[in-house]
Structures are given as structure tokens and as C-alpha cells.
């Protein structure tokens, strides 16, 4: 198997998919394996919703001990290797701040807030299993919160490490979720990217055609490109969402060490940085990640000076 050196060094999936191991832990995957027409290696049809969900279920069971993981068909199905990369880079961010945490009087238990956790609750599951972190997982969608809670409670080794909370006001991000007296070392977020449902549908269509699928077979609710409206789009898109996040973070500047958020469009970075400067943060960083040929990144900002 070819080494994917672009993935984080601690990422368990940087060497590709070990289908022998995955099928052993999740036999249902076996009937969904196919040969890549170019190199004849084992793979799955990534446009097949059943295959994508089975692959993720196998990865979670084999590598993270997650025996139950389910969600409604119309909700987003996240790629595990990319999601866990974000977790590993966050761990590095914390490690690099550790030498000065004593001066800031940080709690020893790492607590993380996941904004928009989704029905799969994927980031808390990965962070709790990989690093033993404790999470608050928030979402504006009641079905997502209920399903995420079921996924957590069904896996005893993470049950006490993840708490799911409903954000009752869709206009707020941190308000109503971060409670008085709470402190978080990290917040993380995969924000809604698109500006409208039409924009989101167009993006899904492009992905479908990139897999060389016939337009007549296109289904906008295909699982691996699916998602509820709150998962895919918001007024103003990704940039507006992150700007609101920065604005709200000011009010919680003493309760969070590092605020972070994925940024899909690199052209948004200059405007995001300007908003951070206006918010008078003590520091911010852009941390790049890569999965194969795709480059992704997240922005991190803090009102604490951990560089002293």
C-alpha cells in the first residue's frame, strides 16, 4: 500500500485502507469491495452511499472501538481520515502551548467544544478515543443531537466523555452553549460552506460528475454528498459564519484557550484575518492539512498569549 505522507504522521489511515482488517471487524463491507479499474487494487464505489457508510463503520469499529454508529440517510457521512487529521493537528496545537499553560492556570483535563457536531458526532468520537478528551457536542438540529446522543451512549468507553447540547437559537454559536464557569482548551467546527440551498446543490452536482457518474443517476440526497440544510449552507456562507464566530468569541475570551474553525475557501483567509485583528485577539495561526491532492486548513485564534 502506498504511504499517504500528506496525512498527519499519527493518522492511522495514512497507509490507505487495510480491507482485510476492515472486513474482519465489519463483515458487511466485504460485498461492497471492488477492484480499481486503473490499478486493480481493492477499493469501494465512493458514489455508493451504502459502501461509504460501511467503510466508515468498519474504520470506526476496527481502529476506534466504536461498535454502534448510525444516522438518518439524509445526513452527512464524514470521511474518517480527514476528520481525524483535524483532531491530530489540534493535539499538536495544544502541545505547542503546553509550556506556558501553567502560567495561564489551565485545568488539567482537556475539554473541547464541537460546534455543529452533526448526527454522526464524529469529532467527539475521534477525539475521545484518540486522546481521551472530554467534549461538549452542540448542534441546532434536534435530530442531530438525539442521534449523536444515541451514538455516544451506545459505546460505553466514550459515554462519560461526550455531552450533547442543543443550540436553541440558530443565530448564536457559543451563546447558550458555553456555560458560566466552564473552560475549554479548544473549540472546533466544520462550518456550513454554501450561501444557499441552490449553491449547495450545485456543489453536490460537481462532486458527482467528478466521479464520472451519469447525470441521469444523480440524486441530490446521495449519502456521501448529502446533508441537511444546516450542515451545508447558511446566510452568507462560510465567511459570514466564521465572522460571527469571531464576534461571539470576544465574549468568551476568558473561557477558551484556542478557538478554531475549518476554512474551505483559502480566498476567505484575508478577510478572516482582518476580522481577527479587529477583535484584538492575542494571536492567530493558519494550520494547513492535506488528504491526497486536497489541501485543507483551519484557523486558530486565542485571546491568551501562549508564546510568552
C-alpha atoms as a PDB file:
ATOM      1  CA  UNK A   1       0.000   0.000   0.000  1.00  0.00           C
ATOM      2  CA  UNK A   2       1.283   3.461  -0.915  1.00  0.00           C
ATOM      3  CA  UNK A   3       2.051   5.723   2.028  1.00  0.00           C
ATOM      4  CA  UNK A   4      -0.050   8.904   2.082  1.00  0.00           C
ATOM      5  CA  UNK A   5       2.604  11.151   3.541  1.00  0.00           C
ATOM      6  CA  UNK A   6       0.287  14.159   3.343  1.00  0.00           C
ATOM      7  CA  UNK A   7      -1.817  12.856   6.218  1.00  0.00           C
ATOM      8  CA  UNK A   8      -0.732  13.632   9.769  1.00  0.00           C
ATOM      9  CA  UNK A   9       2.056  11.279  10.988  1.00  0.00           C
ATOM     10  CA  UNK A  10      -0.204   9.924  13.762  1.00  0.00           C
ATOM     11  CA  UNK A  11      -3.123   9.330  11.424  1.00  0.00           C
ATOM     12  CA  UNK A  12      -3.866   5.592  11.458  1.00  0.00           C
ATOM     13  CA  UNK A  13      -5.121   5.770   7.860  1.00  0.00           C
ATOM     14  CA  UNK A  14      -2.078   7.338   6.191  1.00  0.00           C
ATOM     15  CA  UNK A  15      -1.152   3.977   4.638  1.00  0.00           C
ATOM     16  CA  UNK A  16      -4.511   3.572   2.920  1.00  0.00           C
ATOM     17  CA  UNK A  17      -7.277   1.112   3.735  1.00  0.00           C
ATOM     18  CA  UNK A  18      -6.413  -2.354   5.017  1.00  0.00           C
ATOM     19  CA  UNK A  19      -9.513  -4.111   3.696  1.00  0.00           C
ATOM     20  CA  UNK A  20      -8.526  -7.468   5.180  1.00  0.00           C
ATOM     21  CA  UNK A  21      -8.556  -5.945   8.652  1.00  0.00           C
ATOM     22  CA  UNK A  22     -11.693  -3.907   7.978  1.00  0.00           C
ATOM     23  CA  UNK A  23     -13.709  -6.857   6.664  1.00  0.00           C
ATOM     24  CA  UNK A  24     -12.664  -8.955   9.658  1.00  0.00           C
ATOM     25  CA  UNK A  25     -14.117  -6.374  12.046  1.00  0.00           C
ATOM     26  CA  UNK A  26     -17.081  -5.445   9.823  1.00  0.00           C
ATOM     27  CA  UNK A  27     -18.034  -8.363   7.523  1.00  0.00           C
ATOM     28  CA  UNK A  28     -20.834  -6.425   5.796  1.00  0.00           C
ATOM     29  CA  UNK A  29     -18.172  -4.426   3.968  1.00  0.00           C
ATOM     30  CA  UNK A  30     -16.953  -7.475   2.017  1.00  0.00           C
ATOM     31  CA  UNK A  31     -19.726  -7.460  -0.592  1.00  0.00           C
ATOM     32  CA  UNK A  32     -19.053  -3.785  -1.349  1.00  0.00           C
ATOM     33  CA  UNK A  33     -15.376  -4.152  -2.238  1.00  0.00           C
ATOM     34  CA  UNK A  34     -14.442  -3.725  -5.912  1.00  0.00           C
ATOM     35  CA  UNK A  35     -11.273  -3.520  -7.986  1.00  0.00           C
ATOM     36  CA  UNK A  36      -9.947  -0.146  -9.071  1.00  0.00           C
ATOM     37  CA  UNK A  37     -10.128  -0.209 -12.875  1.00  0.00           C
ATOM     38  CA  UNK A  38      -6.776   1.571 -13.215  1.00  0.00           C
ATOM     39  CA  UNK A  39      -4.507  -0.320 -10.799  1.00  0.00           C
ATOM     40  CA  UNK A  40      -6.696  -3.305  -9.825  1.00  0.00           C
ATOM     41  CA  UNK A  41      -6.337  -2.539  -6.102  1.00  0.00           C
ATOM     42  CA  UNK A  42      -9.223  -3.073  -3.721  1.00  0.00           C
ATOM     43  CA  UNK A  43     -11.494  -0.084  -3.183  1.00  0.00           C
ATOM     44  CA  UNK A  44     -15.168   0.826  -2.901  1.00  0.00           C
ATOM     45  CA  UNK A  45     -17.513   2.853  -5.072  1.00  0.00           C
ATOM     46  CA  UNK A  46     -17.380   6.226  -3.324  1.00  0.00           C
ATOM     47  CA  UNK A  47     -20.594   7.289  -5.067  1.00  0.00           C
ATOM     48  CA  UNK A  48     -22.413   4.390  -3.403  1.00  0.00           C
ATOM     49  CA  UNK A  49     -23.921   5.623  -0.146  1.00  0.00           C
ATOM     50  CA  UNK A  50     -24.118   2.139   1.343  1.00  0.00           C
ATOM     51  CA  UNK A  51     -20.447   1.484   0.588  1.00  0.00           C
ATOM     52  CA  UNK A  52     -19.266   4.773   2.076  1.00  0.00           C
ATOM     53  CA  UNK A  53     -21.226   4.253   5.278  1.00  0.00           C
ATOM     54  CA  UNK A  54     -19.983   0.656   5.568  1.00  0.00           C
ATOM     55  CA  UNK A  55     -16.357   1.746   5.092  1.00  0.00           C
ATOM     56  CA  UNK A  56     -16.674   4.392   7.808  1.00  0.00           C
ATOM     57  CA  UNK A  57     -18.396   1.955  10.158  1.00  0.00           C
ATOM     58  CA  UNK A  58     -15.589  -0.545   9.601  1.00  0.00           C
ATOM     59  CA  UNK A  59     -12.908   2.080  10.250  1.00  0.00           C
ATOM     60  CA  UNK A  60     -14.582   3.219  13.454  1.00  0.00           C
ATOM     61  CA  UNK A  61     -15.045  -0.313  14.747  1.00  0.00           C
ATOM     62  CA  UNK A  62     -11.585  -1.603  13.803  1.00  0.00           C
ATOM     63  CA  UNK A  63      -9.466   1.381  14.839  1.00  0.00           C
ATOM     64  CA  UNK A  64     -11.540   3.206  17.468  1.00  0.00           C
ATOM     65  CA  UNK A  65     -13.652   0.504  19.109  1.00  0.00           C
ATOM     66  CA  UNK A  66     -16.960   2.050  18.030  1.00  0.00           C
ATOM     67  CA  UNK A  67     -19.432  -0.820  17.780  1.00  0.00           C
ATOM     68  CA  UNK A  68     -22.537   1.274  17.067  1.00  0.00           C
ATOM     69  CA  UNK A  69     -22.550   4.232  14.657  1.00  0.00           C
ATOM     70  CA  UNK A  70     -25.661   5.165  12.733  1.00  0.00           C
ATOM     71  CA  UNK A  71     -27.535   8.190  11.424  1.00  0.00           C
ATOM     72  CA  UNK A  72     -30.503   9.075   9.165  1.00  0.00           C
ATOM     73  CA  UNK A  73     -29.912   8.572   5.459  1.00  0.00           C
ATOM     74  CA  UNK A  74     -30.238  12.243   4.534  1.00  0.00           C
ATOM     75  CA  UNK A  75     -27.466  13.397   6.889  1.00  0.00           C
ATOM     76  CA  UNK A  76     -23.808  13.975   6.083  1.00  0.00           C
ATOM     77  CA  UNK A  77     -21.472  10.983   6.075  1.00  0.00           C
ATOM     78  CA  UNK A  78     -17.977  12.247   7.020  1.00  0.00           C
ATOM     79  CA  UNK A  79     -14.683  10.832   5.689  1.00  0.00           C
ATOM     80  CA  UNK A  80     -12.862   9.413   8.716  1.00  0.00           C
ATOM     81  CA  UNK A  81      -9.206  10.017   7.632  1.00  0.00           C
ATOM     82  CA  UNK A  82      -9.788  13.727   7.049  1.00  0.00           C
ATOM     83  CA  UNK A  83     -11.805  14.226  10.207  1.00  0.00           C
ATOM     84  CA  UNK A  84      -9.210  12.590  12.455  1.00  0.00           C
ATOM     85  CA  UNK A  85      -6.460  14.686  10.841  1.00  0.00           C
ATOM     86  CA  UNK A  86      -8.097  17.819  12.277  1.00  0.00           C
ATOM     87  CA  UNK A  87      -8.056  16.156  15.711  1.00  0.00           C
ATOM     88  CA  UNK A  88      -4.339  15.318  15.468  1.00  0.00           C
ATOM     89  CA  UNK A  89      -3.398  18.840  14.410  1.00  0.00           C
ATOM     90  CA  UNK A  90      -5.430  20.238  17.301  1.00  0.00           C
ATOM     91  CA  UNK A  91      -3.459  17.986  19.638  1.00  0.00           C
ATOM     92  CA  UNK A  92      -0.259  19.460  18.225  1.00  0.00           C
ATOM     93  CA  UNK A  93      -1.607  22.969  18.764  1.00  0.00           C
ATOM     94  CA  UNK A  94      -2.255  22.153  22.427  1.00  0.00           C
ATOM     95  CA  UNK A  95       1.146  20.529  22.852  1.00  0.00           C
ATOM     96  CA  UNK A  96       2.934  23.589  21.497  1.00  0.00           C
ATOM     97  CA  UNK A  97       1.042  25.745  24.005  1.00  0.00           C
ATOM     98  CA  UNK A  98       1.709  23.420  26.937  1.00  0.00           C
ATOM     99  CA  UNK A  99       4.910  25.027  28.188  1.00  0.00           C
ATOM    100  CA  UNK A 100       3.016  28.142  29.183  1.00  0.00           C
ATOM    101  CA  UNK A 101      -0.273  26.660  30.345  1.00  0.00           C
ATOM    102  CA  UNK A 102       0.792  26.702  33.991  1.00  0.00           C
ATOM    103  CA  UNK A 103       1.061  30.480  33.898  1.00  0.00           C
ATOM    104  CA  UNK A 104      -2.483  30.660  32.498  1.00  0.00           C
ATOM    105  CA  UNK A 105      -3.757  28.239  35.162  1.00  0.00           C
ATOM    106  CA  UNK A 106      -5.365  25.782  32.739  1.00  0.00           C
ATOM    107  CA  UNK A 107      -7.379  22.795  34.011  1.00  0.00           C
ATOM    108  CA  UNK A 108      -5.529  19.503  33.539  1.00  0.00           C
ATOM    109  CA  UNK A 109      -8.491  17.752  31.862  1.00  0.00           C
ATOM    110  CA  UNK A 110      -8.777  18.707  28.202  1.00  0.00           C
ATOM    111  CA  UNK A 111     -12.290  19.856  27.346  1.00  0.00           C
ATOM    112  CA  UNK A 112     -13.334  20.570  23.764  1.00  0.00           C
ATOM    113  CA  UNK A 113     -16.428  22.164  22.227  1.00  0.00           C
ATOM    114  CA  UNK A 114     -17.588  20.872  18.839  1.00  0.00           C
ATOM    115  CA  UNK A 115     -19.815  23.362  17.033  1.00  0.00           C
ATOM    116  CA  UNK A 116     -22.252  21.665  14.645  1.00  0.00           C
ATOM    117  CA  UNK A 117     -21.441  18.115  15.660  1.00  0.00           C
ATOM    118  CA  UNK A 118     -23.991  16.594  13.289  1.00  0.00           C
ATOM    119  CA  UNK A 119     -25.838  13.318  13.685  1.00  0.00           C
ATOM    120  CA  UNK A 120     -22.616  11.305  13.439  1.00  0.00           C
ATOM    121  CA  UNK A 121     -20.886  13.155  16.311  1.00  0.00           C
ATOM    122  CA  UNK A 122     -17.667  12.247  14.513  1.00  0.00           C
ATOM    123  CA  UNK A 123     -15.172  14.720  16.019  1.00  0.00           C
ATOM    124  CA  UNK A 124     -16.069  13.971  19.657  1.00  0.00           C
ATOM    125  CA  UNK A 125     -15.943  10.230  18.945  1.00  0.00           C
ATOM    126  CA  UNK A 126     -12.485  10.508  17.397  1.00  0.00           C
ATOM    127  CA  UNK A 127     -11.116  12.974  19.959  1.00  0.00           C
ATOM    128  CA  UNK A 128     -12.413  10.959  22.905  1.00  0.00           C
ATOM    129  CA  UNK A 129     -10.964   7.688  21.611  1.00  0.00           C
ATOM    130  CA  UNK A 130      -7.629   9.022  20.342  1.00  0.00           C
ATOM    131  CA  UNK A 131      -6.755  11.408  23.176  1.00  0.00           C
ATOM    132  CA  UNK A 132      -9.254  10.848  25.977  1.00  0.00           C
ATOM    133  CA  UNK A 133     -10.557  14.398  25.588  1.00  0.00           C
ATOM    134  CA  UNK A 134     -13.917  15.401  27.047  1.00  0.00           C
ATOM    135  CA  UNK A 135     -16.396  17.044  24.676  1.00  0.00           C
ATOM    136  CA  UNK A 136     -19.497  19.149  24.540  1.00  0.00           C
ATOM    137  CA  UNK A 137     -21.104  18.454  21.156  1.00  0.00           C
ATOM    138  CA  UNK A 138     -23.567  21.128  20.032  1.00  0.00           C
ATOM    139  CA  UNK A 139     -25.957  21.433  17.109  1.00  0.00           C
ATOM    140  CA  UNK A 140     -29.029  23.458  16.126  1.00  0.00           C
ATOM    141  CA  UNK A 141     -30.810  20.382  14.746  1.00  0.00           C
ATOM    142  CA  UNK A 142     -32.741  18.337  17.353  1.00  0.00           C
ATOM    143  CA  UNK A 143     -32.496  15.157  15.262  1.00  0.00           C
ATOM    144  CA  UNK A 144     -28.706  15.515  15.070  1.00  0.00           C
ATOM    145  CA  UNK A 145     -28.450  15.996  18.835  1.00  0.00           C
ATOM    146  CA  UNK A 146     -30.703  13.000  19.539  1.00  0.00           C
ATOM    147  CA  UNK A 147     -28.855  10.741  17.082  1.00  0.00           C
ATOM    148  CA  UNK A 148     -25.440  11.886  18.304  1.00  0.00           C
ATOM    149  CA  UNK A 149     -26.510  11.111  21.873  1.00  0.00           C
ATOM    150  CA  UNK A 150     -27.503   7.587  20.843  1.00  0.00           C
ATOM    151  CA  UNK A 151     -24.150   7.044  19.115  1.00  0.00           C
ATOM    152  CA  UNK A 152     -22.337   8.157  22.260  1.00  0.00           C
ATOM    153  CA  UNK A 153     -24.431   6.223  24.784  1.00  0.00           C
ATOM    154  CA  UNK A 154     -24.117   3.018  22.715  1.00  0.00           C
ATOM    155  CA  UNK A 155     -20.326   2.990  23.138  1.00  0.00           C
ATOM    156  CA  UNK A 156     -19.506   2.686  26.811  1.00  0.00           C
ATOM    157  CA  UNK A 157     -15.853   3.796  26.565  1.00  0.00           C
ATOM    158  CA  UNK A 158     -16.863   7.304  25.463  1.00  0.00           C
ATOM    159  CA  UNK A 159     -20.221   7.730  27.211  1.00  0.00           C
ATOM    160  CA  UNK A 160     -18.815   9.766  30.101  1.00  0.00           C
ATOM    161  CA  UNK A 161     -16.586  11.838  27.806  1.00  0.00           C
ATOM    162  CA  UNK A 162     -19.191  13.351  25.464  1.00  0.00           C
ATOM    163  CA  UNK A 163     -22.191  15.518  26.322  1.00  0.00           C
ATOM    164  CA  UNK A 164     -24.573  16.622  23.559  1.00  0.00           C
ATOM    165  CA  UNK A 165     -26.308  20.005  23.759  1.00  0.00           C
ATOM    166  CA  UNK A 166     -28.975  21.581  21.567  1.00  0.00           C
ATOM    167  CA  UNK A 167     -28.333  25.131  20.401  1.00  0.00           C
ATOM    168  CA  UNK A 168     -31.832  26.536  20.644  1.00  0.00           C
ATOM    169  CA  UNK A 169     -31.046  29.822  18.890  1.00  0.00           C
ATOM    170  CA  UNK A 170     -29.795  29.276  15.341  1.00  0.00           C
ATOM    171  CA  UNK A 171     -28.383  32.816  15.258  1.00  0.00           C
ATOM    172  CA  UNK A 172     -25.924  32.012  18.047  1.00  0.00           C
ATOM    173  CA  UNK A 173     -22.818  29.841  18.094  1.00  0.00           C
ATOM    174  CA  UNK A 174     -21.229  29.990  21.553  1.00  0.00           C
ATOM    175  CA  UNK A 175     -24.010  31.847  23.348  1.00  0.00           C
ATOM    176  CA  UNK A 176     -26.363  29.413  25.051  1.00  0.00           C
ATOM    177  CA  UNK A 177     -23.820  26.584  24.834  1.00  0.00           C
ATOM    178  CA  UNK A 178     -20.789  27.710  26.866  1.00  0.00           C
ATOM    179  CA  UNK A 179     -21.998  27.961  30.444  1.00  0.00           C
ATOM    180  CA  UNK A 180     -20.718  30.137  33.254  1.00  0.00           C
ATOM    181  CA  UNK A 181     -17.690  28.629  34.953  1.00  0.00           C
ATOM    182  CA  UNK A 182     -16.811  26.311  32.063  1.00  0.00           C
ATOM    183  CA  UNK A 183     -13.389  26.356  30.423  1.00  0.00           C
ATOM    184  CA  UNK A 184     -12.428  24.777  27.112  1.00  0.00           C
ATOM    185  CA  UNK A 185      -8.929  24.252  25.801  1.00  0.00           C
ATOM    186  CA  UNK A 186     -10.298  24.006  22.263  1.00  0.00           C
ATOM    187  CA  UNK A 187     -13.316  24.660  20.120  1.00  0.00           C
ATOM    188  CA  UNK A 188     -13.586  23.121  16.668  1.00  0.00           C
ATOM    189  CA  UNK A 189     -16.001  23.471  13.791  1.00  0.00           C
ATOM    190  CA  UNK A 190     -16.643  22.330  10.245  1.00  0.00           C
ATOM    191  CA  UNK A 191     -18.843  25.263   9.196  1.00  0.00           C
ATOM    192  CA  UNK A 192     -21.587  25.265   6.558  1.00  0.00           C
ATOM    193  CA  UNK A 193     -19.826  26.261   3.351  1.00  0.00           C
ATOM    194  CA  UNK A 194     -22.526  27.333   0.911  1.00  0.00           C
ATOM    195  CA  UNK A 195     -24.599  30.527   0.793  1.00  0.00           C
ATOM    196  CA  UNK A 196     -27.872  28.903  -0.290  1.00  0.00           C
ATOM    197  CA  UNK A 197     -29.520  25.564  -0.996  1.00  0.00           C
ATOM    198  CA  UNK A 198     -29.062  26.137  -4.746  1.00  0.00           C
ATOM    199  CA  UNK A 199     -25.366  26.753  -4.204  1.00  0.00           C
ATOM    200  CA  UNK A 200     -25.123  23.571  -2.137  1.00  0.00           C
ATOM    201  CA  UNK A 201     -26.937  21.507  -4.783  1.00  0.00           C
ATOM    202  CA  UNK A 202     -24.620  22.827  -7.496  1.00  0.00           C
ATOM    203  CA  UNK A 203     -21.610  21.822  -5.402  1.00  0.00           C
ATOM    204  CA  UNK A 204     -23.014  18.318  -4.915  1.00  0.00           C
ATOM    205  CA  UNK A 205     -23.588  18.009  -8.667  1.00  0.00           C
ATOM    206  CA  UNK A 206     -19.967  18.943  -9.381  1.00  0.00           C
ATOM    207  CA  UNK A 207     -18.713  16.298  -6.956  1.00  0.00           C
ATOM    208  CA  UNK A 208     -20.957  13.716  -8.575  1.00  0.00           C
ATOM    209  CA  UNK A 209     -19.669  14.484 -12.055  1.00  0.00           C
ATOM    210  CA  UNK A 210     -16.084  14.429 -10.795  1.00  0.00           C
ATOM    211  CA  UNK A 211     -16.698  10.751 -10.082  1.00  0.00           C
ATOM    212  CA  UNK A 212     -17.677  10.383 -13.761  1.00  0.00           C
ATOM    213  CA  UNK A 213     -21.235   9.430 -12.943  1.00  0.00           C
ATOM    214  CA  UNK A 214     -24.046   9.843 -15.408  1.00  0.00           C
ATOM    215  CA  UNK A 215     -26.309  12.787 -14.723  1.00  0.00           C
ATOM    216  CA  UNK A 216     -29.356  10.547 -15.060  1.00  0.00           C
ATOM    217  CA  UNK A 217     -28.237   8.650 -11.966  1.00  0.00           C
ATOM    218  CA  UNK A 218     -27.661  11.804  -9.925  1.00  0.00           C
ATOM    219  CA  UNK A 219     -29.560  12.008  -6.649  1.00  0.00           C
ATOM    220  CA  UNK A 220     -29.086  15.167  -4.594  1.00  0.00           C
ATOM    221  CA  UNK A 221     -29.680  13.144  -1.429  1.00  0.00           C
ATOM    222  CA  UNK A 222     -26.860  10.685  -2.120  1.00  0.00           C
ATOM    223  CA  UNK A 223     -25.489   9.920   1.344  1.00  0.00           C
ATOM    224  CA  UNK A 224     -21.800  10.751   0.980  1.00  0.00           C
ATOM    225  CA  UNK A 225     -22.662  14.130  -0.553  1.00  0.00           C
ATOM    226  CA  UNK A 226     -25.908  14.539   1.359  1.00  0.00           C
ATOM    227  CA  UNK A 227     -26.693  16.658   4.349  1.00  0.00           C
ATOM    228  CA  UNK A 228     -29.355  18.757   5.995  1.00  0.00           C
ATOM    229  CA  UNK A 229     -29.576  22.457   5.233  1.00  0.00           C
ATOM    230  CA  UNK A 230     -27.826  23.489   8.449  1.00  0.00           C
ATOM    231  CA  UNK A 231     -24.915  21.196   7.588  1.00  0.00           C
ATOM    232  CA  UNK A 232     -24.463  22.592   4.089  1.00  0.00           C
ATOM    233  CA  UNK A 233     -25.378  26.256   3.959  1.00  0.00           C
ATOM    234  CA  UNK A 234     -26.143  29.405   5.925  1.00  0.00           C
ATOM    235  CA  UNK A 235     -26.847  33.019   5.050  1.00  0.00           C
ATOM    236  CA  UNK A 236     -23.576  34.469   3.775  1.00  0.00           C
ATOM    237  CA  UNK A 237     -21.875  31.064   3.654  1.00  0.00           C
ATOM    238  CA  UNK A 238     -18.665  30.055   5.338  1.00  0.00           C
ATOM    239  CA  UNK A 239     -17.193  33.558   5.596  1.00  0.00           C
ATOM    240  CA  UNK A 240     -20.240  35.016   7.355  1.00  0.00           C
ATOM    241  CA  UNK A 241     -20.381  32.065   9.746  1.00  0.00           C
ATOM    242  CA  UNK A 242     -16.727  32.393  10.773  1.00  0.00           C
ATOM    243  CA  UNK A 243     -17.042  36.169  11.179  1.00  0.00           C
ATOM    244  CA  UNK A 244     -19.983  35.596  13.533  1.00  0.00           C
ATOM    245  CA  UNK A 245     -17.917  33.022  15.398  1.00  0.00           C
ATOM    246  CA  UNK A 246     -15.097  35.534  15.854  1.00  0.00           C
ATOM    247  CA  UNK A 247     -17.540  38.203  17.025  1.00  0.00           C
ATOM    248  CA  UNK A 248     -19.063  35.888  19.637  1.00  0.00           C
ATOM    249  CA  UNK A 249     -15.677  34.580  20.760  1.00  0.00           C
ATOM    250  CA  UNK A 250     -14.868  38.006  22.228  1.00  0.00           C
ATOM    251  CA  UNK A 251     -17.486  37.447  24.920  1.00  0.00           C
ATOM    252  CA  UNK A 252     -15.928  34.119  25.895  1.00  0.00           C
ATOM    253  CA  UNK A 253     -12.271  35.127  25.626  1.00  0.00           C
ATOM    254  CA  UNK A 254     -11.507  34.019  29.198  1.00  0.00           C
ATOM    255  CA  UNK A 255     -13.249  30.645  28.851  1.00  0.00           C
ATOM    256  CA  UNK A 256     -11.491  29.238  25.764  1.00  0.00           C
ATOM    257  CA  UNK A 257      -7.780  28.821  25.111  1.00  0.00           C
ATOM    258  CA  UNK A 258      -7.975  28.195  21.349  1.00  0.00           C
ATOM    259  CA  UNK A 259     -10.957  28.871  19.100  1.00  0.00           C
ATOM    260  CA  UNK A 260     -10.580  27.005  15.794  1.00  0.00           C
ATOM    261  CA  UNK A 261     -12.566  26.506  12.600  1.00  0.00           C
ATOM    262  CA  UNK A 262     -12.002  24.819   9.258  1.00  0.00           C
ATOM    263  CA  UNK A 263     -11.721  27.183   6.280  1.00  0.00           C
ATOM    264  CA  UNK A 264     -12.601  25.550   2.957  1.00  0.00           C
ATOM    265  CA  UNK A 265     -12.001  28.567   0.726  1.00  0.00           C
ATOM    266  CA  UNK A 266      -8.452  29.905   1.050  1.00  0.00           C
ATOM    267  CA  UNK A 267      -9.596  33.198  -0.526  1.00  0.00           C
ATOM    268  CA  UNK A 268     -11.562  33.870   2.659  1.00  0.00           C
ATOM    269  CA  UNK A 269      -8.422  33.925   4.818  1.00  0.00           C
ATOM    270  CA  UNK A 270      -7.512  37.578   4.261  1.00  0.00           C
ATOM    271  CA  UNK A 271     -10.963  38.758   5.363  1.00  0.00           C
ATOM    272  CA  UNK A 272     -10.964  36.363   8.320  1.00  0.00           C
ATOM    273  CA  UNK A 273      -7.575  37.652   9.448  1.00  0.00           C
ATOM    274  CA  UNK A 274      -8.856  41.217   9.233  1.00  0.00           C
ATOM    275  CA  UNK A 275     -11.817  40.287  11.459  1.00  0.00           C
ATOM    276  CA  UNK A 276      -9.426  38.699  13.964  1.00  0.00           C
ATOM    277  CA  UNK A 277      -7.302  41.829  14.093  1.00  0.00           C
ATOM    278  CA  UNK A 278     -10.399  43.931  14.688  1.00  0.00           C
ATOM    279  CA  UNK A 279     -11.369  41.556  17.506  1.00  0.00           C
ATOM    280  CA  UNK A 280      -7.937  42.259  19.059  1.00  0.00           C
ATOM    281  CA  UNK A 281      -7.016  38.615  19.543  1.00  0.00           C
ATOM    282  CA  UNK A 282      -3.585  37.987  21.063  1.00  0.00           C
ATOM    283  CA  UNK A 283      -2.566  35.575  18.311  1.00  0.00           C
ATOM    284  CA  UNK A 284      -3.866  33.533  15.402  1.00  0.00           C
ATOM    285  CA  UNK A 285      -2.499  30.769  13.211  1.00  0.00           C
ATOM    286  CA  UNK A 286      -3.430  29.147   9.905  1.00  0.00           C
ATOM    287  CA  UNK A 287      -2.640  25.429  10.044  1.00  0.00           C
ATOM    288  CA  UNK A 288      -2.576  23.505   6.767  1.00  0.00           C
ATOM    289  CA  UNK A 289      -3.600  19.884   6.366  1.00  0.00           C
ATOM    290  CA  UNK A 290      -3.705  17.613   3.318  1.00  0.00           C
ATOM    291  CA  UNK A 291      -5.514  14.480   2.239  1.00  0.00           C
ATOM    292  CA  UNK A 292      -4.076  13.173  -1.028  1.00  0.00           C
ATOM    293  CA  UNK A 293      -4.088  16.056  -3.508  1.00  0.00           C
ATOM    294  CA  UNK A 294      -6.564  18.113  -1.492  1.00  0.00           C
ATOM    295  CA  UNK A 295      -5.215  20.851   0.767  1.00  0.00           C
ATOM    296  CA  UNK A 296      -7.364  21.944   3.692  1.00  0.00           C
ATOM    297  CA  UNK A 297      -6.727  24.267   6.604  1.00  0.00           C
ATOM    298  CA  UNK A 298      -8.099  25.604   9.841  1.00  0.00           C
ATOM    299  CA  UNK A 299      -7.771  28.975  11.511  1.00  0.00           C
ATOM    300  CA  UNK A 300      -6.966  29.126  15.224  1.00  0.00           C
ATOM    301  CA  UNK A 301      -7.106  32.207  17.430  1.00  0.00           C
ATOM    302  CA  UNK A 302      -6.604  32.946  21.095  1.00  0.00           C
ATOM    303  CA  UNK A 303      -7.019  35.840  23.494  1.00  0.00           C
ATOM    304  CA  UNK A 304      -4.272  34.282  25.657  1.00  0.00           C
ATOM    305  CA  UNK A 305      -0.620  34.859  24.882  1.00  0.00           C
ATOM    306  CA  UNK A 306       0.804  31.334  24.968  1.00  0.00           C
ATOM    307  CA  UNK A 307       4.021  32.483  23.282  1.00  0.00           C
ATOM    308  CA  UNK A 308       5.378  34.223  26.372  1.00  0.00           C
END
